[in-house]
Structures are given as structure tokens and as C-alpha cells.
Amino acid sequence: MSFRRWVPPVLWAAFILILTSIPGRDLPGIGIPHLDKAVHLCLYAIFAWLLTRAVAVRAPFAGRVVLVLVAVLCFGAADEWHQQFIPGRSMDVYDWIADSTGALAGAATFLLRRERSDT
């Protein structure tokens, strides 16, 4: 596996942690209900896509993809846990569900696009 393939997912994970470390009072109020769930889904879809790309250098073996999903789900859970220590933020199981849904979507998108390009 190429080291260069690991740089984007590591930087994206750092970006997620930076975003979720911003105190709640400093976040802009958009006024759209549940928009944060869509943001979670998108952030974690990109993260899973990048991680799947990093591990699927040769072939996207099912075991590798399962490991990616488990890693992203654990990262999301740890990130939700960490948010309870940030002023104005809280741990939310529905955010984690959005993270998980995004992870599934991101990994599936990578695999489907790779499958199409192989045919």
C-alpha cells in the first residue's frame, strides 16, 4: 500500500476532529432542522471513501472493506464521545447513526465506481 494513499484519510480525520472540537456557541446557526445530520453523513461518506481507496490498492477484498467500516464506525463513536467534553456540544446517538450511514454510503460508492471501471 502506498503511503500517499493514507495521507488524505488521515488529513480528513483530523479535519473532522477539528470541526467537532469547535465549541457549540461558535457554530453558525443555519436554522434548518437536522441539517447537522446531513453534514455528518457527508463528512463520514468522504472519510469512508478515502479509507476504502487507501486499503483497496490491489483489490477491494470484503474483509478489508469490513475493517474500514468498523474503523470508521469506531472513529465516529469516539468522536461523539469526545464532543461531550466540548462546551455547547453533546454526544448524540443520532449523529453516530448519520456517521454510520455516511460510512456505508462512502465505501459502497467507492466499490461501485471501482467495479464499473473494471468492466
PDB file of N, CA and C in Angstrom:
ATOM      1  N   MET A   1       0.834  -1.188   0.000  1.00  0.00           N
ATOM      2  CA  MET A   1       0.000   0.000   0.000  1.00  0.00           C
ATOM      3  C   MET A   1       0.878   1.250   0.000  1.00  0.00           C
ATOM      4  N   SER A   2       0.485   2.184  -0.796  1.00  0.00           N
ATOM      5  CA  SER A   2       1.246   3.412  -0.927  1.00  0.00           C
ATOM      6  C   SER A   2       0.972   4.356   0.240  1.00  0.00           C
ATOM      7  N   PHE A   3       2.046   4.923   0.759  1.00  0.00           N
ATOM      8  CA  PHE A   3       1.925   5.890   1.851  1.00  0.00           C
ATOM      9  C   PHE A   3       1.061   7.072   1.427  1.00  0.00           C
ATOM     10  N   ARG A   4       1.191   7.483   0.168  1.00  0.00           N
ATOM     11  CA  ARG A   4       0.441   8.642  -0.323  1.00  0.00           C
ATOM     12  C   ARG A   4      -1.069   8.422  -0.259  1.00  0.00           C
ATOM     13  N   ARG A   5      -1.527   7.204  -0.361  1.00  0.00           N
ATOM     14  CA  ARG A   5      -2.960   6.928  -0.278  1.00  0.00           C
ATOM     15  C   ARG A   5      -3.506   7.146   1.135  1.00  0.00           C
ATOM     16  N   TRP A   6      -2.627   7.095   2.140  1.00  0.00           N
ATOM     17  CA  TRP A   6      -3.064   7.248   3.523  1.00  0.00           C
ATOM     18  C   TRP A   6      -3.112   8.703   3.973  1.00  0.00           C
ATOM     19  N   VAL A   7      -2.455   9.585   3.252  1.00  0.00           N
ATOM     20  CA  VAL A   7      -2.443  10.994   3.640  1.00  0.00           C
ATOM     21  C   VAL A   7      -3.853  11.606   3.608  1.00  0.00           C
ATOM     22  N   PRO A   8      -4.618  11.456   2.521  1.00  0.00           N
ATOM     23  CA  PRO A   8      -5.963  12.065   2.511  1.00  0.00           C
ATOM     24  C   PRO A   8      -6.892  11.585   3.632  1.00  0.00           C
ATOM     25  N   PRO A   9      -7.001  10.268   3.914  1.00  0.00           N
ATOM     26  CA  PRO A   9      -7.907   9.899   5.012  1.00  0.00           C
ATOM     27  C   PRO A   9      -7.432  10.382   6.383  1.00  0.00           C
ATOM     28  N   VAL A  10      -6.125  10.423   6.593  1.00  0.00           N
ATOM     29  CA  VAL A  10      -5.607  10.921   7.875  1.00  0.00           C
ATOM     30  C   VAL A  10      -5.902  12.410   8.011  1.00  0.00           C
ATOM     31  N   LEU A  11      -5.685  13.166   6.942  1.00  0.00           N
ATOM     32  CA  LEU A  11      -5.995  14.599   6.984  1.00  0.00           C
ATOM     33  C   LEU A  11      -7.497  14.830   7.151  1.00  0.00           C
ATOM     34  N   TRP A  12      -8.313  14.007   6.506  1.00  0.00           N
ATOM     35  CA  TRP A  12      -9.770  14.159   6.633  1.00  0.00           C
ATOM     36  C   TRP A  12     -10.215  13.844   8.062  1.00  0.00           C
ATOM     37  N   ALA A  13      -9.633  12.825   8.684  1.00  0.00           N
ATOM     38  CA  ALA A  13      -9.955  12.503  10.077  1.00  0.00           C
ATOM     39  C   ALA A  13      -9.581  13.677  10.980  1.00  0.00           C
ATOM     40  N   ALA A  14      -8.433  14.278  10.724  1.00  0.00           N
ATOM     41  CA  ALA A  14      -8.021  15.450  11.514  1.00  0.00           C
ATOM     42  C   ALA A  14      -9.005  16.601  11.306  1.00  0.00           C
ATOM     43  N   PHE A  15      -9.442  16.801  10.070  1.00  0.00           N
ATOM     44  CA  PHE A  15     -10.424  17.843   9.752  1.00  0.00           C
ATOM     45  C   PHE A  15     -11.721  17.615  10.526  1.00  0.00           C
ATOM     46  N   ILE A  16     -12.195  16.363  10.565  1.00  0.00           N
ATOM     47  CA  ILE A  16     -13.413  16.038  11.322  1.00  0.00           C
ATOM     48  C   ILE A  16     -13.213  16.383  12.796  1.00  0.00           C
ATOM     49  N   LEU A  17     -12.079  15.983  13.350  1.00  0.00           N
ATOM     50  CA  LEU A  17     -11.821  16.252  14.773  1.00  0.00           C
ATOM     51  C   LEU A  17     -11.730  17.738  15.065  1.00  0.00           C
ATOM     52  N   ILE A  18     -11.162  18.487  14.146  1.00  0.00           N
ATOM     53  CA  ILE A  18     -11.099  19.943  14.328  1.00  0.00           C
ATOM     54  C   ILE A  18     -12.504  20.527  14.329  1.00  0.00           C
ATOM     55  N   LEU A  19     -13.317  20.110  13.351  1.00  0.00           N
ATOM     56  CA  LEU A  19     -14.697  20.618  13.271  1.00  0.00           C
ATOM     57  C   LEU A  19     -15.504  20.294  14.524  1.00  0.00           C
ATOM     58  N   THR A  20     -15.356  19.067  15.005  1.00  0.00           N
ATOM     59  CA  THR A  20     -16.169  18.653  16.153  1.00  0.00           C
ATOM     60  C   THR A  20     -15.598  19.144  17.480  1.00  0.00           C
ATOM     61  N   SER A  21     -14.462  19.805  17.431  1.00  0.00           N
ATOM     62  CA  SER A  21     -13.892  20.395  18.640  1.00  0.00           C
ATOM     63  C   SER A  21     -14.244  21.875  18.781  1.00  0.00           C
ATOM     64  N   ILE A  22     -14.961  22.406  17.821  1.00  0.00           N
ATOM     65  CA  ILE A  22     -15.391  23.803  17.893  1.00  0.00           C
ATOM     66  C   ILE A  22     -16.528  23.901  18.905  1.00  0.00           C
ATOM     67  N   PRO A  23     -16.417  24.771  19.893  1.00  0.00           N
ATOM     68  CA  PRO A  23     -17.500  24.909  20.871  1.00  0.00           C
ATOM     69  C   PRO A  23     -18.827  25.268  20.196  1.00  0.00           C
ATOM     70  N   GLY A  24     -19.911  24.785  20.762  1.00  0.00           N
ATOM     71  CA  GLY A  24     -21.238  24.982  20.194  1.00  0.00           C
ATOM     72  C   GLY A  24     -21.598  26.446  19.978  1.00  0.00           C
ATOM     73  N   ARG A  25     -21.172  27.312  20.877  1.00  0.00           N
ATOM     74  CA  ARG A  25     -21.517  28.738  20.755  1.00  0.00           C
ATOM     75  C   ARG A  25     -20.844  29.392  19.551  1.00  0.00           C
ATOM     76  N   ASP A  26     -19.771  28.772  19.048  1.00  0.00           N
ATOM     77  CA  ASP A  26     -19.043  29.322  17.911  1.00  0.00           C
ATOM     78  C   ASP A  26     -19.542  28.797  16.560  1.00  0.00           C
ATOM     79  N   LEU A  27     -20.512  27.888  16.602  1.00  0.00           N
ATOM     80  CA  LEU A  27     -21.049  27.332  15.358  1.00  0.00           C
ATOM     81  C   LEU A  27     -22.118  28.255  14.790  1.00  0.00           C
ATOM     82  N   PRO A  28     -22.138  28.428  13.473  1.00  0.00           N
ATOM     83  CA  PRO A  28     -23.164  29.298  12.877  1.00  0.00           C
ATOM     84  C   PRO A  28     -24.544  28.656  12.981  1.00  0.00           C
ATOM     85  N   GLY A  29     -25.552  29.463  13.244  1.00  0.00           N
ATOM     86  CA  GLY A  29     -26.924  28.973  13.288  1.00  0.00           C
ATOM     87  C   GLY A  29     -27.548  29.072  11.904  1.00  0.00           C
ATOM     88  N   ILE A  30     -27.833  27.947  11.299  1.00  0.00           N
ATOM     89  CA  ILE A  30     -28.379  27.923   9.937  1.00  0.00           C
ATOM     90  C   ILE A  30     -29.904  28.015   9.973  1.00  0.00           C
ATOM     91  N   GLY A  31     -30.506  27.400  10.965  1.00  0.00           N
ATOM     92  CA  GLY A  31     -31.956  27.446  11.094  1.00  0.00           C
ATOM     93  C   GLY A  31     -32.686  26.356  10.333  1.00  0.00           C
ATOM     94  N   ILE A  32     -31.958  25.410   9.757  1.00  0.00           N
ATOM     95  CA  ILE A  32     -32.582  24.288   9.054  1.00  0.00           C
ATOM     96  C   ILE A  32     -32.539  23.082   9.982  1.00  0.00           C
ATOM     97  N   PRO A  33     -33.723  22.573  10.364  1.00  0.00           N
ATOM     98  CA  PRO A  33     -33.750  21.438  11.290  1.00  0.00           C
ATOM     99  C   PRO A  33     -33.001  20.217  10.736  1.00  0.00           C
ATOM    100  N   HIS A  34     -32.219  19.616  11.577  1.00  0.00           N
ATOM    101  CA  HIS A  34     -31.500  18.365  11.299  1.00  0.00           C
ATOM    102  C   HIS A  34     -30.464  18.474  10.179  1.00  0.00           C
ATOM    103  N   LEU A  35     -30.075  19.680   9.807  1.00  0.00           N
ATOM    104  CA  LEU A  35     -29.034  19.849   8.797  1.00  0.00           C
ATOM    105  C   LEU A  35     -27.729  19.217   9.261  1.00  0.00           C
ATOM    106  N   ASP A  36     -27.509  19.208  10.569  1.00  0.00           N
ATOM    107  CA  ASP A  36     -26.274  18.613  11.094  1.00  0.00           C
ATOM    108  C   ASP A  36     -26.159  17.131  10.744  1.00  0.00           C
ATOM    109  N   LYS A  37     -27.289  16.437  10.622  1.00  0.00           N
ATOM    110  CA  LYS A  37     -27.250  15.009  10.262  1.00  0.00           C
ATOM    111  C   LYS A  37     -26.728  14.841   8.841  1.00  0.00           C
ATOM    112  N   ALA A  38     -27.151  15.726   7.931  1.00  0.00           N
ATOM    113  CA  ALA A  38     -26.655  15.676   6.552  1.00  0.00           C
ATOM    114  C   ALA A  38     -25.160  15.980   6.508  1.00  0.00           C
ATOM    115  N   VAL A  39     -24.719  16.917   7.345  1.00  0.00           N
ATOM    116  CA  VAL A  39     -23.296  17.244   7.405  1.00  0.00           C
ATOM    117  C   VAL A  39     -22.515  16.035   7.911  1.00  0.00           C
ATOM    118  N   HIS A  40     -22.996  15.396   8.967  1.00  0.00           N
ATOM    119  CA  HIS A  40     -22.341  14.184   9.487  1.00  0.00           C
ATOM    120  C   HIS A  40     -22.258  13.123   8.400  1.00  0.00           C
ATOM    121  N   LEU A  41     -23.355  12.888   7.712  1.00  0.00           N
ATOM    122  CA  LEU A  41     -23.397  11.870   6.667  1.00  0.00           C
ATOM    123  C   LEU A  41     -22.350  12.166   5.597  1.00  0.00           C
ATOM    124  N   CYS A  42     -22.280  13.390   5.136  1.00  0.00           N
ATOM    125  CA  CYS A  42     -21.316  13.760   4.087  1.00  0.00           C
ATOM    126  C   CYS A  42     -19.871  13.637   4.563  1.00  0.00           C
ATOM    127  N   LEU A  43     -19.588  14.127   5.768  1.00  0.00           N
ATOM    128  CA  LEU A  43     -18.220  14.051   6.290  1.00  0.00           C
ATOM    129  C   LEU A  43     -17.737  12.607   6.381  1.00  0.00           C
ATOM    130  N   TYR A  44     -18.611  11.728   6.872  1.00  0.00           N
ATOM    131  CA  TYR A  44     -18.211  10.334   7.062  1.00  0.00           C
ATOM    132  C   TYR A  44     -18.270   9.529   5.780  1.00  0.00           C
ATOM    133  N   ALA A  45     -19.081   9.939   4.807  1.00  0.00           N
ATOM    134  CA  ALA A  45     -19.069   9.285   3.489  1.00  0.00           C
ATOM    135  C   ALA A  45     -17.723   9.537   2.814  1.00  0.00           C
ATOM    136  N   ILE A  46     -17.271  10.775   2.877  1.00  0.00           N
ATOM    137  CA  ILE A  46     -15.964  11.110   2.292  1.00  0.00           C
ATOM    138  C   ILE A  46     -14.854  10.366   3.022  1.00  0.00           C
ATOM    139  N   PHE A  47     -14.920  10.323   4.337  1.00  0.00           N
ATOM    140  CA  PHE A  47     -13.910   9.627   5.131  1.00  0.00           C
ATOM    141  C   PHE A  47     -13.842   8.142   4.755  1.00  0.00           C
ATOM    142  N   ALA A  48     -14.994   7.483   4.683  1.00  0.00           N
ATOM    143  CA  ALA A  48     -15.011   6.059   4.335  1.00  0.00           C
ATOM    144  C   ALA A  48     -14.543   5.842   2.899  1.00  0.00           C
ATOM    145  N   TRP A  49     -14.916   6.743   1.989  1.00  0.00           N
ATOM    146  CA  TRP A  49     -14.466   6.628   0.604  1.00  0.00           C
ATOM    147  C   TRP A  49     -12.939   6.699   0.543  1.00  0.00           C
ATOM    148  N   LEU A  50     -12.364   7.667   1.250  1.00  0.00           N
ATOM    149  CA  LEU A  50     -10.906   7.822   1.257  1.00  0.00           C
ATOM    150  C   LEU A  50     -10.212   6.614   1.893  1.00  0.00           C
ATOM    151  N   LEU A  51     -10.767   6.110   2.982  1.00  0.00           N
ATOM    152  CA  LEU A  51     -10.162   4.936   3.629  1.00  0.00           C
ATOM    153  C   LEU A  51     -10.281   3.692   2.762  1.00  0.00           C
ATOM    154  N   THR A  52     -11.436   3.509   2.124  1.00  0.00           N
ATOM    155  CA  THR A  52     -11.611   2.355   1.249  1.00  0.00           C
ATOM    156  C   THR A  52     -10.616   2.433   0.089  1.00  0.00           C
ATOM    157  N   ARG A  53     -10.442   3.614  -0.444  1.00  0.00           N
ATOM    158  CA  ARG A  53      -9.459   3.828  -1.513  1.00  0.00           C
ATOM    159  C   ARG A  53      -8.057   3.469  -1.030  1.00  0.00           C
ATOM    160  N   ALA A  54      -7.733   3.827   0.198  1.00  0.00           N
ATOM    161  CA  ALA A  54      -6.395   3.560   0.733  1.00  0.00           C
ATOM    162  C   ALA A  54      -6.131   2.066   0.897  1.00  0.00           C
ATOM    163  N   VAL A  55      -7.141   1.303   1.295  1.00  0.00           N
ATOM    164  CA  VAL A  55      -6.918  -0.134   1.530  1.00  0.00           C
ATOM    165  C   VAL A  55      -7.163  -0.985   0.295  1.00  0.00           C
ATOM    166  N   ALA A  56      -7.805  -0.435  -0.721  1.00  0.00           N
ATOM    167  CA  ALA A  56      -8.169  -1.217  -1.905  1.00  0.00           C
ATOM    168  C   ALA A  56      -7.169  -1.010  -3.035  1.00  0.00           C
ATOM    169  N   VAL A  57      -5.896  -0.974  -2.713  1.00  0.00           N
ATOM    170  CA  VAL A  57      -4.876  -0.729  -3.729  1.00  0.00           C
ATOM    171  C   VAL A  57      -4.903  -1.840  -4.777  1.00  0.00           C
ATOM    172  N   ARG A  58      -4.940  -3.064  -4.339  1.00  0.00           N
ATOM    173  CA  ARG A  58      -4.948  -4.175  -5.288  1.00  0.00           C
ATOM    174  C   ARG A  58      -6.370  -4.563  -5.652  1.00  0.00           C
ATOM    175  N   ALA A  59      -7.084  -5.055  -4.697  1.00  0.00           N
ATOM    176  CA  ALA A  59      -8.469  -5.475  -4.931  1.00  0.00           C
ATOM    177  C   ALA A  59      -9.261  -5.184  -3.671  1.00  0.00           C
ATOM    178  N   PRO A  60     -10.494  -4.735  -3.828  1.00  0.00           N
ATOM    179  CA  PRO A  60     -11.292  -4.403  -2.637  1.00  0.00           C
ATOM    180  C   PRO A  60     -11.868  -5.652  -1.970  1.00  0.00           C
ATOM    181  N   PHE A  61     -11.028  -6.389  -1.287  1.00  0.00           N
ATOM    182  CA  PHE A  61     -11.485  -7.591  -0.607  1.00  0.00           C
ATOM    183  C   PHE A  61     -12.519  -7.230   0.447  1.00  0.00           C
ATOM    184  N   ALA A  62     -13.508  -8.090   0.588  1.00  0.00           N
ATOM    185  CA  ALA A  62     -14.604  -7.838   1.528  1.00  0.00           C
ATOM    186  C   ALA A  62     -14.088  -7.621   2.947  1.00  0.00           C
ATOM    187  N   GLY A  63     -13.099  -8.402   3.354  1.00  0.00           N
ATOM    188  CA  GLY A  63     -12.561  -8.263   4.701  1.00  0.00           C
ATOM    189  C   GLY A  63     -11.952  -6.898   4.955  1.00  0.00           C
ATOM    190  N   ARG A  64     -11.293  -6.360   3.946  1.00  0.00           N
ATOM    191  CA  ARG A  64     -10.702  -5.033   4.092  1.00  0.00           C
ATOM    192  C   ARG A  64     -11.786  -3.966   4.222  1.00  0.00           C
ATOM    193  N   VAL A  65     -12.838  -4.109   3.435  1.00  0.00           N
ATOM    194  CA  VAL A  65     -13.920  -3.139   3.476  1.00  0.00           C
ATOM    195  C   VAL A  65     -14.645  -3.210   4.813  1.00  0.00           C
ATOM    196  N   VAL A  66     -14.823  -4.397   5.340  1.00  0.00           N
ATOM    197  CA  VAL A  66     -15.444  -4.548   6.658  1.00  0.00           C
ATOM    198  C   VAL A  66     -14.577  -3.871   7.711  1.00  0.00           C
ATOM    199  N   LEU A  67     -13.261  -4.037   7.610  1.00  0.00           N
ATOM    200  CA  LEU A  67     -12.355  -3.368   8.556  1.00  0.00           C
ATOM    201  C   LEU A  67     -12.459  -1.852   8.443  1.00  0.00           C
ATOM    202  N   VAL A  68     -12.574  -1.345   7.231  1.00  0.00           N
ATOM    203  CA  VAL A  68     -12.748   0.096   7.039  1.00  0.00           C
ATOM    204  C   VAL A  68     -14.022   0.558   7.735  1.00  0.00           C
ATOM    205  N   LEU A  69     -15.117  -0.160   7.517  1.00  0.00           N
ATOM    206  CA  LEU A  69     -16.391   0.231   8.123  1.00  0.00           C
ATOM    207  C   LEU A  69     -16.317   0.180   9.642  1.00  0.00           C
ATOM    208  N   VAL A  70     -15.726  -0.861  10.180  1.00  0.00           N
ATOM    209  CA  VAL A  70     -15.586  -0.968  11.637  1.00  0.00           C
ATOM    210  C   VAL A  70     -14.730   0.190  12.157  1.00  0.00           C
ATOM    211  N   ALA A  71     -13.640   0.495  11.459  1.00  0.00           N
ATOM    212  CA  ALA A  71     -12.767   1.593  11.889  1.00  0.00           C
ATOM    213  C   ALA A  71     -13.499   2.931  11.867  1.00  0.00           C
ATOM    214  N   VAL A  72     -14.264   3.184  10.799  1.00  0.00           N
ATOM    215  CA  VAL A  72     -14.980   4.454  10.698  1.00  0.00           C
ATOM    216  C   VAL A  72     -16.095   4.531  11.736  1.00  0.00           C
ATOM    217  N   LEU A  73     -16.796   3.424  11.967  1.00  0.00           N
ATOM    218  CA  LEU A  73     -17.849   3.429  12.988  1.00  0.00           C
ATOM    219  C   LEU A  73     -17.267   3.668  14.378  1.00  0.00           C
ATOM    220  N   CYS A  74     -16.120   3.068  14.672  1.00  0.00           N
ATOM    221  CA  CYS A  74     -15.459   3.302  15.961  1.00  0.00           C
ATOM    222  C   CYS A  74     -14.958   4.741  16.071  1.00  0.00           C
ATOM    223  N   PHE A  75     -14.402   5.267  14.993  1.00  0.00           N
ATOM    224  CA  PHE A  75     -13.949   6.661  14.980  1.00  0.00           C
ATOM    225  C   PHE A  75     -15.126   7.596  15.245  1.00  0.00           C
ATOM    226  N   GLY A  76     -16.253   7.332  14.586  1.00  0.00           N
ATOM    227  CA  GLY A  76     -17.452   8.153  14.784  1.00  0.00           C
ATOM    228  C   GLY A  76     -17.949   8.089  16.220  1.00  0.00           C
ATOM    229  N   ALA A  77     -17.943   6.884  16.796  1.00  0.00           N
ATOM    230  CA  ALA A  77     -18.383   6.729  18.184  1.00  0.00           C
ATOM    231  C   ALA A  77     -17.441   7.472  19.134  1.00  0.00           C
ATOM    232  N   ALA A  78     -16.142   7.347  18.889  1.00  0.00           N
ATOM    233  CA  ALA A  78     -15.172   8.051  19.736  1.00  0.00           C
ATOM    234  C   ALA A  78     -15.319   9.562  19.585  1.00  0.00           C
ATOM    235  N   ASP A  79     -15.588  10.012  18.375  1.00  0.00           N
ATOM    236  CA  ASP A  79     -15.778  11.442  18.151  1.00  0.00           C
ATOM    237  C   ASP A  79     -17.029  11.951  18.860  1.00  0.00           C
ATOM    238  N   GLU A  80     -18.098  11.180  18.809  1.00  0.00           N
ATOM    239  CA  GLU A  80     -19.319  11.573  19.542  1.00  0.00           C
ATOM    240  C   GLU A  80     -19.039  11.626  21.042  1.00  0.00           C
ATOM    241  N   TRP A  81     -18.313  10.661  21.559  1.00  0.00           N
ATOM    242  CA  TRP A  81     -17.969  10.631  22.983  1.00  0.00           C
ATOM    243  C   TRP A  81     -17.149  11.872  23.343  1.00  0.00           C
ATOM    244  N   HIS A  82     -16.185  12.201  22.475  1.00  0.00           N
ATOM    245  CA  HIS A  82     -15.301  13.339  22.761  1.00  0.00           C
ATOM    246  C   HIS A  82     -16.082  14.659  22.778  1.00  0.00           C
ATOM    247  N   GLN A  83     -17.170  14.752  22.018  1.00  0.00           N
ATOM    248  CA  GLN A  83     -17.918  16.003  21.944  1.00  0.00           C
ATOM    249  C   GLN A  83     -18.601  16.379  23.260  1.00  0.00           C
ATOM    250  N   GLN A  84     -18.826  15.398  24.118  1.00  0.00           N
ATOM    251  CA  GLN A  84     -19.462  15.730  25.398  1.00  0.00           C
ATOM    252  C   GLN A  84     -18.557  16.591  26.284  1.00  0.00           C
ATOM    253  N   PHE A  85     -17.280  16.653  25.950  1.00  0.00           N
ATOM    254  CA  PHE A  85     -16.337  17.454  26.719  1.00  0.00           C
ATOM    255  C   PHE A  85     -16.114  18.834  26.109  1.00  0.00           C
ATOM    256  N   ILE A  86     -16.759  19.123  24.980  1.00  0.00           N
ATOM    257  CA  ILE A  86     -16.629  20.404  24.292  1.00  0.00           C
ATOM    258  C   ILE A  86     -17.801  21.282  24.721  1.00  0.00           C
ATOM    259  N   PRO A  87     -17.543  22.492  25.200  1.00  0.00           N
ATOM    260  CA  PRO A  87     -18.640  23.371  25.642  1.00  0.00           C
ATOM    261  C   PRO A  87     -19.679  23.590  24.527  1.00  0.00           C
ATOM    262  N   GLY A  88     -20.934  23.412  24.886  1.00  0.00           N
ATOM    263  CA  GLY A  88     -22.020  23.622  23.937  1.00  0.00           C
ATOM    264  C   GLY A  88     -22.239  22.489  22.960  1.00  0.00           C
ATOM    265  N   ARG A  89     -21.502  21.389  23.120  1.00  0.00           N
ATOM    266  CA  ARG A  89     -21.660  20.217  22.254  1.00  0.00           C
ATOM    267  C   ARG A  89     -22.145  19.068  23.120  1.00  0.00           C
ATOM    268  N   SER A  90     -22.642  18.028  22.476  1.00  0.00           N
ATOM    269  CA  SER A  90     -23.094  16.861  23.232  1.00  0.00           C
ATOM    270  C   SER A  90     -22.912  15.598  22.404  1.00  0.00           C
ATOM    271  N   MET A  91     -22.952  14.492  23.093  1.00  0.00           N
ATOM    272  CA  MET A  91     -22.900  13.195  22.457  1.00  0.00           C
ATOM    273  C   MET A  91     -24.324  12.883  21.977  1.00  0.00           C
ATOM    274  N   ASP A  92     -24.458  12.437  20.706  1.00  0.00           N
ATOM    275  CA  ASP A  92     -25.780  12.190  20.143  1.00  0.00           C
ATOM    276  C   ASP A  92     -25.750  10.912  19.317  1.00  0.00           C
ATOM    277  N   VAL A  93     -26.540   9.924  19.721  1.00  0.00           N
ATOM    278  CA  VAL A  93     -26.570   8.650  19.005  1.00  0.00           C
ATOM    279  C   VAL A  93     -27.082   8.836  17.574  1.00  0.00           C
ATOM    280  N   TYR A  94     -27.946   9.819  17.354  1.00  0.00           N
ATOM    281  CA  TYR A  94     -28.442  10.052  16.000  1.00  0.00           C
ATOM    282  C   TYR A  94     -27.351  10.630  15.090  1.00  0.00           C
ATOM    283  N   ASP A  95     -26.438  11.379  15.656  1.00  0.00           N
ATOM    284  CA  ASP A  95     -25.280  11.826  14.878  1.00  0.00           C
ATOM    285  C   ASP A  95     -24.434  10.625  14.482  1.00  0.00           C
ATOM    286  N   TRP A  96     -24.253   9.698  15.412  1.00  0.00           N
ATOM    287  CA  TRP A  96     -23.470   8.494  15.111  1.00  0.00           C
ATOM    288  C   TRP A  96     -24.163   7.649  14.047  1.00  0.00           C
ATOM    289  N   ILE A  97     -25.476   7.584  14.081  1.00  0.00           N
ATOM    290  CA  ILE A  97     -26.215   6.858  13.040  1.00  0.00           C
ATOM    291  C   ILE A  97     -25.991   7.534  11.680  1.00  0.00           C
ATOM    292  N   ALA A  98     -25.999   8.861  11.655  1.00  0.00           N
ATOM    293  CA  ALA A  98     -25.715   9.584  10.414  1.00  0.00           C
ATOM    294  C   ALA A  98     -24.276   9.324   9.960  1.00  0.00           C
ATOM    295  N   ASP A  99     -23.335   9.293  10.907  1.00  0.00           N
ATOM    296  CA  ASP A  99     -21.941   8.962  10.586  1.00  0.00           C
ATOM    297  C   ASP A  99     -21.862   7.572   9.951  1.00  0.00           C
ATOM    298  N   SER A 100     -22.549   6.618  10.557  1.00  0.00           N
ATOM    299  CA  SER A 100     -22.521   5.228  10.093  1.00  0.00           C
ATOM    300  C   SER A 100     -23.148   5.094   8.715  1.00  0.00           C
ATOM    301  N   THR A 101     -24.250   5.785   8.503  1.00  0.00           N
ATOM    302  CA  THR A 101     -24.908   5.757   7.194  1.00  0.00           C
ATOM    303  C   THR A 101     -23.987   6.346   6.136  1.00  0.00           C
ATOM    304  N   GLY A 102     -23.331   7.429   6.474  1.00  0.00           N
ATOM    305  CA  GLY A 102     -22.367   8.029   5.559  1.00  0.00           C
ATOM    306  C   GLY A 102     -21.210   7.092   5.252  1.00  0.00           C
ATOM    307  N   ALA A 103     -20.723   6.388   6.278  1.00  0.00           N
ATOM    308  CA  ALA A 103     -19.626   5.444   6.076  1.00  0.00           C
ATOM    309  C   ALA A 103     -20.033   4.343   5.099  1.00  0.00           C
ATOM    310  N   LEU A 104     -21.218   3.809   5.273  1.00  0.00           N
ATOM    311  CA  LEU A 104     -21.707   2.775   4.352  1.00  0.00           C
ATOM    312  C   LEU A 104     -21.826   3.326   2.933  1.00  0.00           C
ATOM    313  N   ALA A 105     -22.361   4.522   2.815  1.00  0.00           N
ATOM    314  CA  ALA A 105     -22.532   5.137   1.500  1.00  0.00           C
ATOM    315  C   ALA A 105     -21.184   5.407   0.832  1.00  0.00           C
ATOM    316  N   GLY A 106     -20.227   5.905   1.592  1.00  0.00           N
ATOM    317  CA  GLY A 106     -18.914   6.206   1.028  1.00  0.00           C
ATOM    318  C   GLY A 106     -18.172   4.972   0.554  1.00  0.00           C
ATOM    319  N   ALA A 107     -18.165   3.930   1.375  1.00  0.00           N
ATOM    320  CA  ALA A 107     -17.485   2.688   0.990  1.00  0.00           C
ATOM    321  C   ALA A 107     -18.189   2.046  -0.209  1.00  0.00           C
ATOM    322  N   ALA A 108     -19.520   2.031  -0.180  1.00  0.00           N
ATOM    323  CA  ALA A 108     -20.278   1.442  -1.290  1.00  0.00           C
ATOM    324  C   ALA A 108     -20.047   2.212  -2.584  1.00  0.00           C
ATOM    325  N   THR A 109     -20.000   3.529  -2.498  1.00  0.00           N
ATOM    326  CA  THR A 109     -19.757   4.349  -3.690  1.00  0.00           C
ATOM    327  C   THR A 109     -18.391   4.047  -4.288  1.00  0.00           C
ATOM    328  N   PHE A 110     -17.381   3.939  -3.438  1.00  0.00           N
ATOM    329  CA  PHE A 110     -16.054   3.605  -3.956  1.00  0.00           C
ATOM    330  C   PHE A 110     -16.073   2.251  -4.653  1.00  0.00           C
ATOM    331  N   LEU A 111     -16.664   1.256  -4.007  1.00  0.00           N
ATOM    332  CA  LEU A 111     -16.677  -0.089  -4.576  1.00  0.00           C
ATOM    333  C   LEU A 111     -17.464  -0.148  -5.879  1.00  0.00           C
ATOM    334  N   LEU A 112     -18.602   0.534  -5.942  1.00  0.00           N
ATOM    335  CA  LEU A 112     -19.404   0.536  -7.167  1.00  0.00           C
ATOM    336  C   LEU A 112     -18.682   1.241  -8.306  1.00  0.00           C
ATOM    337  N   ARG A 113     -18.045   2.349  -8.015  1.00  0.00           N
ATOM    338  CA  ARG A 113     -17.285   3.058  -9.054  1.00  0.00           C
ATOM    339  C   ARG A 113     -16.098   2.242  -9.526  1.00  0.00           C
ATOM    340  N   ARG A 114     -15.455   1.570  -8.600  1.00  0.00           N
ATOM    341  CA  ARG A 114     -14.302   0.724  -8.994  1.00  0.00           C
ATOM    342  C   ARG A 114     -14.769  -0.457  -9.830  1.00  0.00           C
ATOM    343  N   GLU A 115     -15.899  -1.038  -9.448  1.00  0.00           N
ATOM    344  CA  GLU A 115     -16.453  -2.160 -10.187  1.00  0.00           C
ATOM    345  C   GLU A 115     -16.791  -1.744 -11.622  1.00  0.00           C
ATOM    346  N   ARG A 116     -17.370  -0.587 -11.770  1.00  0.00           N
ATOM    347  CA  ARG A 116     -17.726  -0.092 -13.118  1.00  0.00           C
ATOM    348  C   ARG A 116     -16.488   0.162 -13.961  1.00  0.00           C
ATOM    349  N   SER A 117     -15.428   0.676 -13.336  1.00  0.00           N
ATOM    350  CA  SER A 117     -14.223   0.973 -14.098  1.00  0.00           C
ATOM    351  C   SER A 117     -13.459  -0.296 -14.475  1.00  0.00           C
ATOM    352  N   ASP A 118     -13.692  -1.393 -13.748  1.00  0.00           N
ATOM    353  CA  ASP A 118     -13.039  -2.659 -14.054  1.00  0.00           C
ATOM    354  C   ASP A 118     -13.730  -3.399 -15.188  1.00  0.00           C
ATOM    355  N   THR A 119     -14.957  -3.032 -15.499  1.00  0.00           N
ATOM    356  CA  THR A 119     -15.685  -3.758 -16.557  1.00  0.00           C
ATOM    357  C   THR A 119     -15.535  -3.120 -17.898  1.00  0.00           C
TER     358      THR A 119
END
